N, C-alpha and C. Protein backbone atom coordinates (compact mmCIF):
# COMPACT_ATOMS: atom_id res chain seq x y z
N MET A 1 173.89 62.54 -24.46
CA MET A 1 174.10 61.93 -23.13
C MET A 1 173.90 60.42 -23.25
N ASP A 2 174.82 59.63 -22.68
CA ASP A 2 174.67 58.18 -22.79
C ASP A 2 173.65 57.68 -21.77
N ASP A 3 173.33 56.37 -21.87
CA ASP A 3 172.31 55.80 -21.01
C ASP A 3 172.68 55.90 -19.54
N ARG A 4 174.00 55.79 -19.27
CA ARG A 4 174.43 55.87 -17.88
C ARG A 4 174.16 57.25 -17.30
N GLY A 5 174.42 58.30 -18.09
CA GLY A 5 174.17 59.66 -17.64
C GLY A 5 172.70 59.91 -17.42
N MET A 6 171.87 59.39 -18.36
CA MET A 6 170.42 59.55 -18.20
C MET A 6 169.93 58.83 -16.95
N GLY A 7 170.51 57.66 -16.70
CA GLY A 7 170.11 56.90 -15.51
C GLY A 7 170.46 57.63 -14.24
N ASN A 8 171.66 58.21 -14.22
CA ASN A 8 172.07 58.96 -13.03
C ASN A 8 171.15 60.15 -12.77
N GLY A 9 170.76 60.84 -13.84
CA GLY A 9 169.86 61.98 -13.68
C GLY A 9 168.51 61.55 -13.14
N ARG A 10 168.03 60.41 -13.67
CA ARG A 10 166.73 59.91 -13.19
C ARG A 10 166.81 59.53 -11.72
N HIS A 11 167.88 58.85 -11.33
CA HIS A 11 168.04 58.46 -9.93
C HIS A 11 168.14 59.68 -9.02
N THR A 12 168.82 60.73 -9.52
CA THR A 12 168.94 61.95 -8.73
C THR A 12 167.58 62.59 -8.49
N ARG A 13 166.77 62.63 -9.57
CA ARG A 13 165.43 63.22 -9.43
C ARG A 13 164.57 62.38 -8.49
N GLU A 14 164.65 61.06 -8.63
CA GLU A 14 163.87 60.18 -7.76
C GLU A 14 164.30 60.32 -6.31
N GLY A 15 165.63 60.41 -6.13
CA GLY A 15 166.14 60.59 -4.77
C GLY A 15 165.68 61.90 -4.17
N GLY A 16 165.64 62.94 -5.01
CA GLY A 16 165.16 64.24 -4.53
C GLY A 16 163.70 64.19 -4.13
N ARG A 17 162.90 63.46 -4.91
CA ARG A 17 161.47 63.34 -4.58
C ARG A 17 161.27 62.57 -3.28
N VAL A 18 162.06 61.51 -3.11
CA VAL A 18 161.96 60.73 -1.87
C VAL A 18 162.33 61.59 -0.67
N LEU A 19 163.42 62.35 -0.81
CA LEU A 19 163.86 63.22 0.28
C LEU A 19 162.79 64.27 0.60
N GLU A 20 162.20 64.84 -0.44
CA GLU A 20 161.15 65.85 -0.24
C GLU A 20 159.93 65.24 0.44
N ALA A 21 159.59 64.01 0.04
CA ALA A 21 158.45 63.33 0.65
C ALA A 21 158.70 63.06 2.13
N ARG A 22 159.93 62.67 2.47
CA ARG A 22 160.26 62.41 3.87
C ARG A 22 160.22 63.71 4.69
N LYS A 23 160.71 64.79 4.09
CA LYS A 23 160.67 66.08 4.79
C LYS A 23 159.22 66.49 5.05
N ASP A 24 158.37 66.30 4.05
CA ASP A 24 156.96 66.64 4.21
C ASP A 24 156.32 65.76 5.29
N PHE A 25 156.69 64.48 5.29
CA PHE A 25 156.16 63.55 6.29
C PHE A 25 156.52 64.01 7.70
N HIS A 26 157.77 64.34 7.93
CA HIS A 26 158.21 64.74 9.27
C HIS A 26 157.62 66.09 9.67
N HIS A 27 157.40 66.97 8.70
CA HIS A 27 156.74 68.24 9.00
C HIS A 27 155.30 67.99 9.47
N ARG A 28 154.60 67.11 8.77
CA ARG A 28 153.22 66.81 9.14
C ARG A 28 153.16 66.04 10.46
N LEU A 29 154.15 65.19 10.70
CA LEU A 29 154.20 64.46 11.97
C LEU A 29 154.42 65.43 13.13
N ASP A 30 155.26 66.42 12.93
CA ASP A 30 155.47 67.43 13.97
C ASP A 30 154.19 68.23 14.22
N ASP A 31 153.47 68.55 13.15
CA ASP A 31 152.18 69.24 13.31
C ASP A 31 151.20 68.39 14.12
N LEU A 32 151.21 67.07 13.85
CA LEU A 32 150.34 66.14 14.58
C LEU A 32 150.70 66.14 16.06
N TYR A 33 151.98 66.11 16.34
CA TYR A 33 152.48 66.13 17.72
C TYR A 33 152.06 67.41 18.44
N GLN A 34 152.22 68.55 17.78
CA GLN A 34 151.83 69.82 18.39
C GLN A 34 150.32 69.89 18.62
N GLU A 35 149.56 69.27 17.73
CA GLU A 35 148.10 69.29 17.86
C GLU A 35 147.65 68.49 19.07
N ILE A 36 148.27 67.33 19.33
CA ILE A 36 147.86 66.54 20.50
C ILE A 36 148.23 67.27 21.78
N LEU A 37 149.33 68.02 21.76
CA LEU A 37 149.70 68.81 22.94
C LEU A 37 148.68 69.92 23.19
N ARG A 38 148.19 70.54 22.11
CA ARG A 38 147.15 71.58 22.26
C ARG A 38 145.87 70.96 22.81
N MET A 39 145.53 69.79 22.31
CA MET A 39 144.33 69.12 22.80
C MET A 39 144.47 68.81 24.29
N GLY A 40 145.65 68.35 24.70
CA GLY A 40 145.88 68.06 26.11
C GLY A 40 145.78 69.30 26.98
N SER A 41 146.33 70.41 26.49
CA SER A 41 146.26 71.67 27.23
C SER A 41 144.82 72.14 27.37
N ASP A 42 144.05 72.06 26.29
CA ASP A 42 142.64 72.45 26.34
C ASP A 42 141.86 71.54 27.29
N LEU A 43 142.21 70.25 27.28
CA LEU A 43 141.53 69.31 28.17
C LEU A 43 141.79 69.64 29.63
N LEU A 44 143.03 69.93 29.97
CA LEU A 44 143.35 70.30 31.35
C LEU A 44 142.53 71.50 31.81
N HIS A 45 142.41 72.49 30.93
CA HIS A 45 141.60 73.67 31.24
C HIS A 45 140.14 73.26 31.48
N THR A 46 139.64 72.34 30.68
CA THR A 46 138.24 71.91 30.81
C THR A 46 138.02 71.11 32.08
N ILE A 47 138.97 70.25 32.45
CA ILE A 47 138.81 69.48 33.69
C ILE A 47 138.81 70.42 34.90
N GLU A 48 139.70 71.40 34.89
CA GLU A 48 139.72 72.37 35.99
C GLU A 48 138.42 73.17 36.03
N LYS A 49 137.93 73.55 34.86
CA LYS A 49 136.65 74.27 34.79
C LYS A 49 135.52 73.39 35.33
N THR A 50 135.60 72.10 35.06
CA THR A 50 134.59 71.15 35.53
C THR A 50 134.65 71.01 37.05
N ARG A 51 135.85 70.97 37.59
CA ARG A 51 136.01 70.91 39.05
C ARG A 51 135.36 72.13 39.71
N LEU A 52 135.67 73.31 39.19
CA LEU A 52 135.10 74.54 39.74
C LEU A 52 133.58 74.58 39.54
N CYS A 53 133.14 74.05 38.42
CA CYS A 53 131.70 73.99 38.13
C CYS A 53 130.98 73.19 39.20
N PHE A 54 131.55 72.03 39.57
CA PHE A 54 130.93 71.23 40.62
C PHE A 54 130.98 71.93 41.96
N MET A 55 132.14 72.47 42.31
CA MET A 55 132.29 73.09 43.63
C MET A 55 131.29 74.23 43.84
N ALA A 56 131.02 74.98 42.77
CA ALA A 56 130.06 76.10 42.86
C ALA A 56 128.66 75.69 42.45
N LEU A 57 128.51 74.45 41.94
CA LEU A 57 127.26 74.00 41.33
C LEU A 57 126.74 75.08 40.38
N ASP A 58 127.63 75.46 39.48
CA ASP A 58 127.41 76.58 38.55
C ASP A 58 126.76 76.05 37.27
N ARG A 59 125.48 76.30 37.12
CA ARG A 59 124.76 75.77 35.96
C ARG A 59 125.17 76.45 34.65
N ALA A 60 125.51 77.72 34.72
CA ALA A 60 125.96 78.42 33.50
C ALA A 60 127.28 77.83 33.01
N ALA A 61 128.19 77.56 33.94
CA ALA A 61 129.46 76.93 33.57
C ALA A 61 129.22 75.53 33.03
N ALA A 62 128.25 74.83 33.63
CA ALA A 62 127.91 73.48 33.15
C ALA A 62 127.46 73.52 31.69
N GLU A 63 126.65 74.50 31.35
CA GLU A 63 126.20 74.64 29.96
C GLU A 63 127.38 74.88 29.02
N GLN A 64 128.34 75.68 29.45
CA GLN A 64 129.52 75.95 28.61
C GLN A 64 130.35 74.69 28.40
N ILE A 65 130.49 73.89 29.44
CA ILE A 65 131.25 72.64 29.32
C ILE A 65 130.56 71.69 28.36
N ILE A 66 129.25 71.59 28.47
CA ILE A 66 128.48 70.72 27.58
C ILE A 66 128.62 71.18 26.13
N ALA A 67 128.50 72.48 25.92
CA ALA A 67 128.62 73.03 24.56
C ALA A 67 130.02 72.85 23.99
N GLY A 68 131.02 72.82 24.87
CA GLY A 68 132.40 72.71 24.40
C GLY A 68 132.84 71.31 24.03
N ASP A 69 131.99 70.32 24.24
CA ASP A 69 132.40 68.94 23.95
C ASP A 69 132.69 68.72 22.47
N ASP A 70 131.97 69.42 21.60
CA ASP A 70 132.20 69.28 20.15
C ASP A 70 133.63 69.66 19.77
N HIS A 71 134.22 70.56 20.53
CA HIS A 71 135.60 71.00 20.30
C HIS A 71 136.55 69.80 20.36
N PHE A 72 136.31 68.91 21.32
CA PHE A 72 137.19 67.75 21.49
C PHE A 72 136.87 66.65 20.48
N ASP A 73 135.61 66.56 20.08
CA ASP A 73 135.26 65.63 19.00
C ASP A 73 136.00 66.02 17.72
N ALA A 74 136.05 67.32 17.44
CA ALA A 74 136.74 67.81 16.25
C ALA A 74 138.24 67.54 16.33
N TYR A 75 138.82 67.75 17.50
CA TYR A 75 140.24 67.43 17.71
C TYR A 75 140.51 65.97 17.35
N ARG A 76 139.70 65.09 17.92
CA ARG A 76 139.93 63.65 17.70
C ARG A 76 139.80 63.31 16.23
N ASN A 77 138.78 63.84 15.57
CA ASN A 77 138.58 63.54 14.15
C ASN A 77 139.77 64.02 13.31
N ARG A 78 140.28 65.22 13.61
CA ARG A 78 141.43 65.74 12.87
C ARG A 78 142.67 64.87 13.10
N LEU A 79 142.92 64.55 14.34
CA LEU A 79 144.12 63.79 14.68
C LEU A 79 144.08 62.38 14.10
N GLU A 80 142.92 61.74 14.19
CA GLU A 80 142.81 60.39 13.64
C GLU A 80 142.91 60.42 12.12
N GLY A 81 142.25 61.40 11.50
CA GLY A 81 142.31 61.50 10.04
C GLY A 81 143.71 61.74 9.53
N GLU A 82 144.41 62.69 10.16
CA GLU A 82 145.78 62.99 9.74
C GLU A 82 146.71 61.82 10.05
N GLY A 83 146.51 61.17 11.18
CA GLY A 83 147.33 60.02 11.52
C GLY A 83 147.19 58.89 10.52
N LEU A 84 145.97 58.61 10.12
CA LEU A 84 145.74 57.56 9.12
C LEU A 84 146.34 57.92 7.78
N GLU A 85 146.26 59.20 7.42
CA GLU A 85 146.88 59.64 6.16
C GLU A 85 148.39 59.44 6.18
N LEU A 86 149.02 59.78 7.29
CA LEU A 86 150.47 59.61 7.40
C LEU A 86 150.86 58.14 7.33
N LEU A 87 150.07 57.28 7.93
CA LEU A 87 150.35 55.85 7.86
C LEU A 87 150.20 55.33 6.43
N ALA A 88 149.25 55.89 5.69
CA ALA A 88 149.00 55.44 4.32
C ALA A 88 150.03 55.99 3.34
N LEU A 89 150.51 57.21 3.57
CA LEU A 89 151.42 57.86 2.62
C LEU A 89 152.82 57.30 2.67
N GLN A 90 153.27 56.95 3.85
CA GLN A 90 154.65 56.50 4.03
C GLN A 90 154.64 55.14 4.72
N ALA A 91 155.81 54.53 4.75
CA ALA A 91 156.01 53.35 5.58
C ALA A 91 156.89 53.81 6.73
N PRO A 92 156.29 54.36 7.79
CA PRO A 92 157.10 54.99 8.84
C PRO A 92 158.04 54.00 9.52
N VAL A 93 159.22 54.49 9.90
CA VAL A 93 160.12 53.67 10.70
C VAL A 93 159.47 53.42 12.05
N ALA A 94 160.02 52.47 12.80
CA ALA A 94 159.35 51.97 14.01
C ALA A 94 158.96 53.08 14.98
N ILE A 95 159.88 53.99 15.29
CA ILE A 95 159.59 55.02 16.28
C ILE A 95 158.52 55.98 15.78
N ASP A 96 158.56 56.34 14.49
CA ASP A 96 157.53 57.22 13.93
C ASP A 96 156.18 56.52 13.90
N LEU A 97 156.20 55.24 13.57
CA LEU A 97 154.96 54.46 13.54
C LEU A 97 154.33 54.44 14.93
N ARG A 98 155.14 54.17 15.94
CA ARG A 98 154.60 54.12 17.31
C ARG A 98 154.10 55.49 17.75
N LEU A 99 154.81 56.55 17.36
CA LEU A 99 154.37 57.90 17.74
C LEU A 99 153.00 58.21 17.15
N ILE A 100 152.79 57.88 15.89
CA ILE A 100 151.49 58.13 15.26
C ILE A 100 150.40 57.35 15.97
N ILE A 101 150.67 56.07 16.24
CA ILE A 101 149.68 55.23 16.92
C ILE A 101 149.35 55.79 18.30
N VAL A 102 150.38 56.19 19.05
CA VAL A 102 150.16 56.71 20.40
C VAL A 102 149.39 58.03 20.36
N ILE A 103 149.70 58.89 19.42
CA ILE A 103 148.95 60.15 19.31
C ILE A 103 147.48 59.89 19.03
N MET A 104 147.19 58.93 18.16
CA MET A 104 145.79 58.60 17.86
C MET A 104 145.10 58.01 19.09
N ARG A 105 145.81 57.17 19.83
CA ARG A 105 145.23 56.61 21.06
C ARG A 105 144.99 57.71 22.09
N MET A 106 145.94 58.63 22.21
CA MET A 106 145.78 59.73 23.17
C MET A 106 144.60 60.61 22.79
N ALA A 107 144.40 60.84 21.51
CA ALA A 107 143.25 61.63 21.06
C ALA A 107 141.95 60.98 21.51
N GLN A 108 141.90 59.64 21.43
CA GLN A 108 140.72 58.92 21.90
C GLN A 108 140.53 59.08 23.40
N LYS A 109 141.64 58.95 24.14
CA LYS A 109 141.57 59.08 25.60
C LYS A 109 141.14 60.50 26.01
N PHE A 110 141.73 61.49 25.37
CA PHE A 110 141.39 62.88 25.69
C PHE A 110 139.92 63.16 25.39
N GLU A 111 139.44 62.64 24.27
CA GLU A 111 138.04 62.86 23.90
C GLU A 111 137.10 62.20 24.91
N ARG A 112 137.49 61.02 25.41
CA ARG A 112 136.67 60.34 26.42
C ARG A 112 136.68 61.11 27.74
N MET A 113 137.83 61.68 28.09
CA MET A 113 137.89 62.51 29.30
C MET A 113 136.99 63.72 29.16
N ALA A 114 136.98 64.33 27.98
CA ALA A 114 136.10 65.47 27.73
C ALA A 114 134.64 65.05 27.84
N ASP A 115 134.31 63.85 27.36
CA ASP A 115 132.96 63.32 27.50
C ASP A 115 132.58 63.19 28.98
N LEU A 116 133.55 62.75 29.79
CA LEU A 116 133.30 62.62 31.23
C LEU A 116 133.06 63.98 31.87
N CYS A 117 133.78 64.99 31.41
CA CYS A 117 133.53 66.36 31.89
C CYS A 117 132.11 66.79 31.53
N GLU A 118 131.69 66.45 30.33
CA GLU A 118 130.32 66.76 29.92
C GLU A 118 129.32 66.03 30.82
N ASP A 119 129.58 64.75 31.12
CA ASP A 119 128.69 63.99 32.00
C ASP A 119 128.60 64.63 33.38
N ILE A 120 129.73 65.09 33.90
CA ILE A 120 129.73 65.77 35.20
C ILE A 120 128.88 67.04 35.13
N ALA A 121 129.05 67.79 34.05
CA ALA A 121 128.30 69.04 33.89
C ALA A 121 126.79 68.77 33.83
N VAL A 122 126.40 67.72 33.14
CA VAL A 122 124.98 67.35 33.07
C VAL A 122 124.45 67.03 34.47
N ALA A 123 125.24 66.28 35.24
CA ALA A 123 124.83 65.95 36.61
C ALA A 123 124.72 67.20 37.48
N VAL A 124 125.68 68.12 37.33
CA VAL A 124 125.66 69.37 38.11
C VAL A 124 124.38 70.15 37.86
N LYS A 125 123.93 70.17 36.62
CA LYS A 125 122.71 70.92 36.27
C LYS A 125 121.49 70.42 37.04
N ASN A 126 121.55 69.18 37.50
CA ASN A 126 120.39 68.57 38.15
C ASN A 126 120.56 68.40 39.65
N ILE A 127 121.51 69.13 40.23
CA ILE A 127 121.73 69.07 41.68
C ILE A 127 121.45 70.44 42.28
N HIS A 128 120.73 70.44 43.39
CA HIS A 128 120.48 71.69 44.10
C HIS A 128 121.57 71.90 45.14
N ALA A 129 122.06 73.12 45.24
CA ALA A 129 123.22 73.43 46.09
C ALA A 129 123.00 73.03 47.55
N ASP A 130 121.78 73.22 48.06
CA ASP A 130 121.55 72.96 49.49
C ASP A 130 121.45 71.47 49.81
N HIS A 131 121.55 70.61 48.79
CA HIS A 131 121.47 69.17 49.02
C HIS A 131 122.84 68.49 49.02
N VAL A 132 123.89 69.25 48.79
CA VAL A 132 125.24 68.67 48.73
C VAL A 132 126.00 69.07 49.98
N HIS A 133 126.30 68.10 50.81
CA HIS A 133 126.98 68.38 52.08
C HIS A 133 128.46 68.70 51.85
N ALA A 134 129.04 69.36 52.84
CA ALA A 134 130.43 69.80 52.72
C ALA A 134 131.38 68.64 52.50
N TRP A 135 131.14 67.50 53.18
CA TRP A 135 132.06 66.37 53.03
C TRP A 135 132.05 65.83 51.60
N MET A 136 130.89 65.92 50.93
CA MET A 136 130.81 65.48 49.54
C MET A 136 131.67 66.38 48.65
N ARG A 137 131.51 67.67 48.83
CA ARG A 137 132.28 68.64 48.03
C ARG A 137 133.78 68.45 48.24
N GLU A 138 134.16 68.30 49.50
CA GLU A 138 135.58 68.18 49.81
C GLU A 138 136.19 66.91 49.20
N ALA A 139 135.46 65.81 49.30
CA ALA A 139 135.98 64.54 48.76
C ALA A 139 136.11 64.60 47.25
N ILE A 140 135.08 65.12 46.58
CA ILE A 140 135.13 65.20 45.12
C ILE A 140 136.16 66.21 44.66
N ASP A 141 136.30 67.30 45.40
CA ASP A 141 137.32 68.29 45.05
C ASP A 141 138.71 67.65 45.10
N GLU A 142 138.95 66.85 46.13
CA GLU A 142 140.26 66.18 46.24
C GLU A 142 140.46 65.19 45.09
N MET A 143 139.41 64.45 44.75
CA MET A 143 139.50 63.51 43.62
C MET A 143 139.82 64.26 42.33
N ALA A 144 139.11 65.37 42.12
CA ALA A 144 139.30 66.14 40.89
C ALA A 144 140.71 66.70 40.80
N ARG A 145 141.21 67.23 41.91
CA ARG A 145 142.57 67.78 41.91
C ARG A 145 143.61 66.70 41.60
N ARG A 146 143.42 65.54 42.18
CA ARG A 146 144.35 64.44 41.93
C ARG A 146 144.25 63.96 40.48
N ALA A 147 143.04 63.93 39.94
CA ALA A 147 142.87 63.54 38.54
C ALA A 147 143.57 64.53 37.62
N ILE A 148 143.46 65.81 37.92
CA ILE A 148 144.13 66.84 37.12
C ILE A 148 145.64 66.66 37.17
N ARG A 149 146.18 66.37 38.36
CA ARG A 149 147.63 66.15 38.47
C ARG A 149 148.06 64.94 37.66
N LEU A 150 147.23 63.91 37.64
CA LEU A 150 147.54 62.73 36.84
C LEU A 150 147.59 63.05 35.35
N VAL A 151 146.62 63.82 34.88
CA VAL A 151 146.61 64.19 33.46
C VAL A 151 147.82 65.06 33.14
N GLU A 152 148.17 65.98 34.04
CA GLU A 152 149.37 66.80 33.85
C GLU A 152 150.61 65.93 33.75
N ARG A 153 150.73 64.95 34.65
CA ARG A 153 151.89 64.06 34.63
C ARG A 153 151.91 63.20 33.36
N ALA A 154 150.74 62.74 32.95
CA ALA A 154 150.66 61.92 31.74
C ALA A 154 151.15 62.71 30.53
N LEU A 155 150.73 63.97 30.43
CA LEU A 155 151.20 64.82 29.34
C LEU A 155 152.71 65.06 29.43
N ALA A 156 153.19 65.28 30.64
CA ALA A 156 154.62 65.55 30.83
C ALA A 156 155.46 64.33 30.45
N CYS A 157 155.04 63.15 30.86
CA CYS A 157 155.85 61.97 30.54
C CYS A 157 155.81 61.67 29.05
N PHE A 158 154.71 62.04 28.38
CA PHE A 158 154.65 61.90 26.92
C PHE A 158 155.63 62.86 26.25
N LYS A 159 155.62 64.12 26.67
CA LYS A 159 156.51 65.12 26.06
C LYS A 159 157.98 64.78 26.31
N GLU A 160 158.27 64.27 27.50
CA GLU A 160 159.66 64.02 27.87
C GLU A 160 160.10 62.58 27.61
N ARG A 161 159.17 61.74 27.15
CA ARG A 161 159.45 60.31 26.94
C ARG A 161 160.01 59.69 28.22
N ASP A 162 159.40 60.05 29.35
CA ASP A 162 159.89 59.67 30.67
C ASP A 162 159.19 58.39 31.13
N VAL A 163 159.87 57.25 30.98
CA VAL A 163 159.24 55.97 31.31
C VAL A 163 159.09 55.79 32.82
N GLU A 164 160.00 56.35 33.61
CA GLU A 164 159.88 56.23 35.07
C GLU A 164 158.65 56.98 35.56
N MET A 165 158.43 58.17 35.04
CA MET A 165 157.23 58.93 35.40
C MET A 165 155.98 58.18 34.96
N ALA A 166 156.04 57.58 33.78
CA ALA A 166 154.89 56.83 33.26
C ALA A 166 154.54 55.67 34.19
N ARG A 167 155.57 55.00 34.72
CA ARG A 167 155.33 53.87 35.61
C ARG A 167 154.76 54.31 36.96
N GLN A 168 154.99 55.54 37.34
CA GLN A 168 154.50 56.05 38.63
C GLN A 168 153.01 56.43 38.59
N LEU A 169 152.45 56.54 37.40
CA LEU A 169 151.06 57.02 37.29
C LEU A 169 150.08 56.08 37.96
N ASP A 170 150.32 54.78 37.85
CA ASP A 170 149.40 53.81 38.44
C ASP A 170 149.32 53.98 39.95
N ALA A 171 150.48 54.17 40.59
CA ALA A 171 150.50 54.38 42.05
C ALA A 171 149.83 55.71 42.41
N MET A 172 149.99 56.72 41.55
CA MET A 172 149.35 58.02 41.81
C MET A 172 147.83 57.92 41.74
N ASP A 173 147.34 56.91 41.01
CA ASP A 173 145.90 56.74 40.86
C ASP A 173 145.27 56.08 42.08
N ASP A 174 146.06 55.38 42.89
CA ASP A 174 145.51 54.64 44.04
C ASP A 174 144.72 55.53 45.00
N PRO A 175 145.23 56.73 45.37
CA PRO A 175 144.44 57.58 46.28
C PRO A 175 143.09 58.00 45.70
N VAL A 176 143.02 58.15 44.38
CA VAL A 176 141.74 58.49 43.74
C VAL A 176 140.76 57.34 43.92
N ASP A 177 141.24 56.11 43.71
CA ASP A 177 140.39 54.94 43.91
C ASP A 177 139.93 54.84 45.36
N GLN A 178 140.83 55.13 46.30
CA GLN A 178 140.49 55.06 47.72
C GLN A 178 139.43 56.11 48.08
N LEU A 179 139.57 57.30 47.53
CA LEU A 179 138.57 58.34 47.78
C LEU A 179 137.20 57.93 47.25
N TYR A 180 137.20 57.30 46.08
CA TYR A 180 135.93 56.86 45.49
C TYR A 180 135.28 55.80 46.37
N ARG A 181 136.08 54.82 46.83
CA ARG A 181 135.53 53.78 47.70
C ARG A 181 135.03 54.37 49.02
N GLY A 182 135.71 55.43 49.46
CA GLY A 182 135.30 56.07 50.71
C GLY A 182 133.91 56.66 50.67
N PHE A 183 133.45 57.00 49.47
CA PHE A 183 132.09 57.54 49.34
C PHE A 183 131.06 56.56 49.88
N PHE A 184 131.23 55.29 49.56
CA PHE A 184 130.23 54.30 49.94
C PHE A 184 130.23 54.08 51.45
N LYS A 185 131.40 54.17 52.08
CA LYS A 185 131.46 54.05 53.53
C LYS A 185 130.70 55.19 54.19
N GLU A 186 130.85 56.40 53.66
CA GLU A 186 130.13 57.55 54.21
C GLU A 186 128.62 57.38 54.05
N PHE A 187 128.20 56.90 52.90
CA PHE A 187 126.76 56.75 52.65
C PHE A 187 126.16 55.64 53.48
N ASP A 188 126.99 54.70 53.94
CA ASP A 188 126.49 53.58 54.74
C ASP A 188 126.36 53.92 56.23
N ARG A 189 126.67 55.16 56.59
CA ARG A 189 126.66 55.53 58.01
C ARG A 189 125.34 56.18 58.44
N GLY A 190 124.27 55.82 57.77
CA GLY A 190 122.96 56.28 58.20
C GLY A 190 122.61 57.69 57.79
N ARG A 191 123.31 58.26 56.81
CA ARG A 191 122.97 59.61 56.36
C ARG A 191 121.63 59.58 55.63
N GLU A 192 120.94 60.71 55.62
CA GLU A 192 119.59 60.76 55.06
C GLU A 192 119.50 61.68 53.85
N GLU A 193 120.58 61.80 53.07
CA GLU A 193 120.54 62.61 51.86
C GLU A 193 119.50 62.04 50.90
N GLU A 194 118.92 62.90 50.09
CA GLU A 194 117.98 62.43 49.09
C GLU A 194 118.69 61.47 48.15
N ILE A 195 118.01 60.38 47.84
CA ILE A 195 118.64 59.32 47.05
C ILE A 195 119.08 59.82 45.68
N GLU A 196 118.29 60.72 45.07
CA GLU A 196 118.65 61.24 43.74
C GLU A 196 119.97 62.01 43.79
N VAL A 197 120.15 62.81 44.82
CA VAL A 197 121.39 63.56 44.98
C VAL A 197 122.55 62.61 45.23
N VAL A 198 122.32 61.61 46.07
CA VAL A 198 123.35 60.62 46.36
C VAL A 198 123.82 59.96 45.08
N ILE A 199 122.88 59.55 44.25
CA ILE A 199 123.23 58.87 43.00
C ILE A 199 124.03 59.79 42.09
N ARG A 200 123.60 61.04 41.97
CA ARG A 200 124.30 61.97 41.08
C ARG A 200 125.72 62.27 41.58
N VAL A 201 125.85 62.42 42.89
CA VAL A 201 127.17 62.72 43.45
C VAL A 201 128.10 61.52 43.28
N ILE A 202 127.58 60.32 43.48
CA ILE A 202 128.40 59.11 43.26
C ILE A 202 128.81 59.03 41.79
N MET A 203 127.90 59.36 40.90
CA MET A 203 128.24 59.36 39.47
C MET A 203 129.37 60.35 39.17
N ILE A 204 129.29 61.54 39.76
CA ILE A 204 130.34 62.55 39.54
C ILE A 204 131.67 62.03 40.05
N ALA A 205 131.65 61.41 41.24
CA ALA A 205 132.89 60.84 41.78
C ALA A 205 133.44 59.78 40.84
N ARG A 206 132.55 58.95 40.31
CA ARG A 206 132.98 57.90 39.37
C ARG A 206 133.58 58.51 38.11
N PHE A 207 132.99 59.59 37.61
CA PHE A 207 133.50 60.21 36.38
C PHE A 207 134.91 60.78 36.59
N PHE A 208 135.15 61.40 37.74
CA PHE A 208 136.50 61.90 38.01
C PHE A 208 137.49 60.74 38.16
N GLU A 209 137.02 59.65 38.76
CA GLU A 209 137.90 58.47 38.87
C GLU A 209 138.26 57.94 37.49
N ARG A 210 137.30 57.94 36.58
CA ARG A 210 137.55 57.44 35.23
C ARG A 210 138.53 58.36 34.49
N ILE A 211 138.46 59.66 34.72
CA ILE A 211 139.43 60.58 34.11
C ILE A 211 140.84 60.19 34.56
N ALA A 212 140.99 59.91 35.86
CA ALA A 212 142.30 59.49 36.37
C ALA A 212 142.75 58.18 35.72
N ASP A 213 141.82 57.24 35.55
CA ASP A 213 142.16 55.96 34.91
C ASP A 213 142.67 56.16 33.49
N HIS A 214 142.03 57.05 32.75
CA HIS A 214 142.48 57.32 31.38
C HIS A 214 143.89 57.91 31.36
N ALA A 215 144.21 58.72 32.36
CA ALA A 215 145.56 59.28 32.45
C ALA A 215 146.59 58.17 32.65
N VAL A 216 146.24 57.18 33.47
CA VAL A 216 147.14 56.03 33.67
C VAL A 216 147.34 55.28 32.36
N ASP A 217 146.27 55.14 31.58
CA ASP A 217 146.38 54.47 30.28
C ASP A 217 147.35 55.20 29.36
N ILE A 218 147.37 56.52 29.42
CA ILE A 218 148.32 57.28 28.60
C ILE A 218 149.75 56.94 29.00
N GLY A 219 149.98 56.77 30.30
CA GLY A 219 151.31 56.35 30.75
C GLY A 219 151.72 55.03 30.13
N GLU A 220 150.79 54.09 30.02
CA GLU A 220 151.08 52.80 29.40
C GLU A 220 151.43 52.98 27.92
N ASN A 221 150.77 53.94 27.27
CA ASN A 221 151.08 54.21 25.87
C ASN A 221 152.46 54.84 25.72
N VAL A 222 152.88 55.61 26.71
CA VAL A 222 154.24 56.18 26.67
C VAL A 222 155.27 55.06 26.75
N LEU A 223 155.01 54.06 27.58
CA LEU A 223 155.92 52.91 27.66
C LEU A 223 156.00 52.20 26.31
N PHE A 224 154.86 52.06 25.65
CA PHE A 224 154.85 51.45 24.31
C PHE A 224 155.64 52.30 23.33
N LEU A 225 155.48 53.62 23.40
CA LEU A 225 156.19 54.53 22.50
C LEU A 225 157.70 54.40 22.65
N VAL A 226 158.16 54.38 23.88
CA VAL A 226 159.61 54.40 24.14
C VAL A 226 160.23 53.01 24.03
N GLU A 227 159.53 52.02 24.58
CA GLU A 227 160.12 50.68 24.67
C GLU A 227 159.61 49.72 23.61
N GLY A 228 158.52 50.08 22.94
CA GLY A 228 157.99 49.22 21.89
C GLY A 228 157.29 47.98 22.41
N SER A 229 156.86 48.02 23.67
CA SER A 229 156.18 46.84 24.23
C SER A 229 155.00 47.27 25.09
């Protein structure tokens, strides 16, 4: 075989290795994508469980939520580790690069939301049912439901690459902020709730508001993913 034939064979083998490496890269990227969707689904279940935990002031459920936080820490560690490996192994094209970055950012956001659920559960454990008035429960329940809808929308706009839906998330967050501010107006009307309960309930309201804020941040990451800005 002459040098030209040997060269062609070498190039063919090298081309085959490159193609195989790219196939492996995209397979792992798809696994990463599916993993963040599973994390989001698990998170939605946990936020709903946290809402019900507060409404019933269920200490047993609170313990389960607290114990389950490690599940989300593990998710984040896996997603960040695999994302960094993919960035190191290949030089991803722009859209793949942005997808990896956004998935890693979302893992951080989801893990922080799970931490907020844990914080709510800790607060619930220290509240007595007869100290929480109906108006408190109703207001926080509405905040929690709206926060859940925001997280659902954030996940949907990520899956669908829907920039219009992503832009709507900020406006969807406004009622949550208004409900949170409304707490202080209620407390300023001469109510005589125990100060410790007041503080814990305000903290819970703040934690649900922060969950909604993180969902809005995911919408901004979707804009970065699709538009690159």
